[in-house]
Amino acid sequence: MKKLLTALLFGLSFLSVSARAEGVLNAYQTVDIKAPIGKVWDAVKDFDGLHRWHPVFSNDVIKSGRNNVVGAIRTLTIKDGPSFDETLLAWDAGKRRYTYDVIDPNPLPIKNYVSTMEVVQLRAGVASVIWTSSFMNNSDGKMKNEEVINFLNGAYKAGLDALKASLEK
């Protein structure tokens, strides 16, 4: 029995290593903003408002459902680039957090993308915006995993830096 259990655990460890090797990747960026948490949440909370503060996007339109209601689908348009759709999976005003996914296929080097935007209080007058995601590399071998992660982290950083600059001026 002990040998069987050991063999089973050994076999499961190989399965978990191969699952990781297949590639669920993560991106993460955060920024601290010297502003009341309510002001920061008001700036980022609208599912159809990313283009208002993120310099990469020229438009953000709800094409199905209603803004900030789970199931809503938005179309994001990249400046001088393509558009793609995302679905709002969760929206919680009390926790100042929402989660969404990118609808595949999309023009980005990712698939199975799920992301969360959250605003938390650090101390009086300072809030932190946390942007996280999990996804898989879908670049058809054109980009290494680290390059795809850096691509998303760069996009998050550009948006969060612009948000900070606009709210702290």
Protein backbone atom coordinates (compact mmCIF):
# COMPACT_ATOMS: atom_id res chain seq x y z
CA MET A 1 0.00 0.00 0.00
CA LYS A 2 2.80 2.40 0.92
CA LYS A 3 4.57 1.67 -2.39
CA LEU A 4 1.35 2.24 -4.32
CA LEU A 5 0.76 5.58 -2.62
CA THR A 6 4.37 6.64 -3.26
CA ALA A 7 4.09 5.64 -6.94
CA LEU A 8 0.80 7.52 -7.26
CA LEU A 9 2.24 10.70 -5.72
CA PHE A 10 5.32 10.42 -7.93
CA GLY A 11 3.12 10.09 -11.02
CA LEU A 12 0.95 13.05 -10.00
CA SER A 13 4.03 15.21 -9.54
CA PHE A 14 4.92 14.63 -13.20
CA LEU A 15 1.41 15.58 -14.26
CA SER A 16 1.57 18.87 -12.37
CA VAL A 17 5.00 19.67 -13.87
CA SER A 18 3.72 19.04 -17.40
CA ALA A 19 0.61 21.17 -16.72
CA ARG A 20 2.84 24.06 -15.65
CA ALA A 21 5.05 23.52 -18.69
CA GLU A 22 2.01 23.92 -20.95
CA GLY A 23 1.95 27.44 -19.79
CA VAL A 24 -0.40 29.30 -17.53
CA LEU A 25 1.47 32.58 -17.24
CA ASN A 26 0.84 35.55 -14.97
CA ALA A 27 1.28 39.29 -15.29
CA TYR A 28 1.10 41.74 -12.39
CA GLN A 29 1.49 45.48 -11.97
CA THR A 30 0.53 47.86 -9.21
CA VAL A 31 0.74 51.57 -8.60
CA ASP A 32 0.28 53.65 -5.45
CA ILE A 33 -1.69 56.84 -6.01
CA LYS A 34 -1.81 59.79 -3.63
CA ALA A 35 -5.56 60.25 -3.79
CA PRO A 36 -8.60 59.14 -1.80
CA ILE A 37 -9.62 55.56 -2.55
CA GLY A 38 -13.07 56.68 -3.75
CA LYS A 39 -11.53 58.96 -6.36
CA VAL A 40 -9.24 56.20 -7.59
CA TRP A 41 -12.08 53.64 -7.75
CA ASP A 42 -14.29 56.15 -9.59
CA ALA A 43 -11.55 56.52 -12.23
CA VAL A 44 -11.19 52.78 -12.95
CA LYS A 45 -14.52 51.20 -12.04
CA ASP A 46 -16.37 51.55 -15.32
CA PHE A 47 -15.96 48.49 -17.51
CA ASP A 48 -16.50 50.75 -20.51
CA GLY A 49 -14.03 53.42 -19.34
CA LEU A 50 -10.53 52.04 -19.92
CA HIS A 51 -9.91 54.37 -22.87
CA ARG A 52 -10.46 57.39 -20.60
CA TRP A 53 -7.24 56.78 -18.69
CA HIS A 54 -5.19 54.18 -20.58
CA PRO A 55 -3.10 55.73 -23.40
CA VAL A 56 -3.04 52.55 -25.52
CA PHE A 57 -6.80 52.50 -26.16
CA SER A 58 -8.78 54.88 -28.34
CA ASN A 59 -12.22 53.47 -27.57
CA ASP A 60 -14.09 51.16 -25.21
CA VAL A 61 -17.74 50.43 -25.99
CA ILE A 62 -20.28 48.09 -24.38
CA LYS A 63 -21.63 46.03 -27.28
CA SER A 64 -23.79 43.67 -25.23
CA GLY A 65 -25.33 43.97 -21.78
CA ARG A 66 -24.92 46.92 -19.43
CA ASN A 67 -21.85 48.61 -17.99
CA ASN A 68 -20.63 47.02 -14.73
CA VAL A 69 -23.15 44.19 -14.95
CA VAL A 70 -21.72 40.67 -15.13
CA GLY A 71 -21.99 39.31 -18.66
CA ALA A 72 -21.45 42.67 -20.36
CA ILE A 73 -19.21 42.50 -23.41
CA ARG A 74 -17.00 45.45 -24.33
CA THR A 75 -15.07 46.10 -27.50
CA LEU A 76 -11.66 47.66 -26.90
CA THR A 77 -9.90 49.44 -29.74
CA ILE A 78 -6.15 49.88 -29.66
CA LYS A 79 -4.94 53.25 -31.00
CA ASP A 80 -3.97 52.73 -34.64
CA GLY A 81 -4.65 49.04 -34.20
CA PRO A 82 -7.17 46.25 -33.95
CA SER A 83 -10.20 45.77 -31.73
CA PHE A 84 -11.07 42.83 -29.52
CA ASP A 85 -13.83 41.85 -27.10
CA GLU A 86 -13.85 41.17 -23.37
CA THR A 87 -16.53 39.83 -21.02
CA LEU A 88 -17.15 41.12 -17.50
CA LEU A 89 -17.02 38.04 -15.25
CA ALA A 90 -17.36 39.68 -11.82
CA TRP A 91 -17.90 43.22 -10.53
CA ASP A 92 -17.89 44.06 -6.82
CA ALA A 93 -18.23 47.73 -5.84
CA GLY A 94 -17.84 46.89 -2.13
CA LYS A 95 -14.47 45.24 -2.70
CA ARG A 96 -13.59 47.71 -5.49
CA ARG A 97 -12.71 44.89 -7.84
CA TYR A 98 -13.75 43.45 -11.17
CA THR A 99 -12.66 40.50 -13.27
CA TYR A 100 -12.93 40.05 -17.02
CA ASP A 101 -11.65 37.82 -19.80
CA VAL A 102 -10.58 38.33 -23.40
CA ILE A 103 -12.80 36.52 -25.87
CA ASP A 104 -10.78 34.20 -28.10
CA PRO A 105 -9.72 34.44 -30.83
CA ASN A 106 -8.14 37.86 -30.41
CA PRO A 107 -5.27 39.77 -32.08
CA LEU A 108 -3.04 39.66 -28.99
CA PRO A 109 -0.34 37.04 -28.32
CA ILE A 110 -2.50 35.51 -25.56
CA LYS A 111 -5.34 33.05 -25.05
CA ASN A 112 -7.39 32.00 -22.03
CA TYR A 113 -6.76 35.45 -20.54
CA VAL A 114 -8.50 36.35 -17.27
CA SER A 115 -7.68 39.58 -15.47
CA THR A 116 -8.63 41.40 -12.28
CA MET A 117 -8.44 45.12 -11.51
CA GLU A 118 -8.61 46.03 -7.82
CA VAL A 119 -8.26 49.21 -5.77
CA VAL A 120 -7.16 48.92 -2.13
CA GLN A 121 -6.56 51.44 0.64
CA LEU A 122 -2.91 51.65 1.70
CA ARG A 123 -3.28 54.46 4.20
CA ALA A 124 -5.26 57.68 4.46
CA GLY A 125 -5.07 59.48 1.14
CA VAL A 126 -3.18 56.71 -0.67
CA ALA A 127 -4.73 53.91 -2.70
CA SER A 128 -3.12 51.14 -4.69
CA VAL A 129 -4.39 49.84 -8.01
CA ILE A 130 -3.53 46.20 -8.61
CA TRP A 131 -3.84 44.70 -12.11
CA THR A 132 -3.28 40.96 -12.42
CA SER A 133 -3.90 38.32 -15.05
CA SER A 134 -3.40 34.71 -16.00
CA PHE A 135 -3.16 33.59 -19.63
CA MET A 136 -1.38 31.37 -22.09
CA ASN A 137 1.15 32.28 -24.76
CA ASN A 138 -0.61 32.29 -28.15
CA SER A 139 2.11 33.85 -30.29
CA ASP A 140 2.65 30.77 -32.45
CA GLY A 141 6.25 30.61 -31.27
CA LYS A 142 7.02 34.23 -32.23
CA MET A 143 7.41 35.29 -28.60
CA LYS A 144 8.91 33.54 -25.60
CA ASN A 145 6.76 33.31 -22.47
CA GLU A 146 8.82 36.05 -20.79
CA GLU A 147 8.23 38.34 -23.78
CA VAL A 148 4.46 37.86 -23.59
CA ILE A 149 4.54 38.53 -19.83
CA ASN A 150 6.65 41.66 -20.44
CA PHE A 151 4.24 42.76 -23.19
CA LEU A 152 1.29 42.65 -20.77
CA ASN A 153 3.22 44.12 -17.85
CA GLY A 154 4.28 46.98 -20.14
CA ALA A 155 0.68 47.63 -21.15
CA TYR A 156 -0.46 47.55 -17.52
CA LYS A 157 2.36 49.86 -16.45
CA ALA A 158 1.61 52.38 -19.20
CA GLY A 159 -2.01 52.54 -18.11
CA LEU A 160 -1.33 52.68 -14.38
CA ASP A 161 1.36 55.36 -14.82
CA ALA A 162 -1.07 57.48 -16.85
CA LEU A 163 -3.80 56.94 -14.24
CA LYS A 164 -1.45 58.02 -11.44
CA ALA A 165 -0.35 61.13 -13.35
CA SER A 166 -3.96 62.18 -14.04
CA LEU A 167 -5.18 61.62 -10.46
CA GLU A 168 -2.20 63.22 -8.71
CA LYS A 169 -2.11 66.44 -10.75
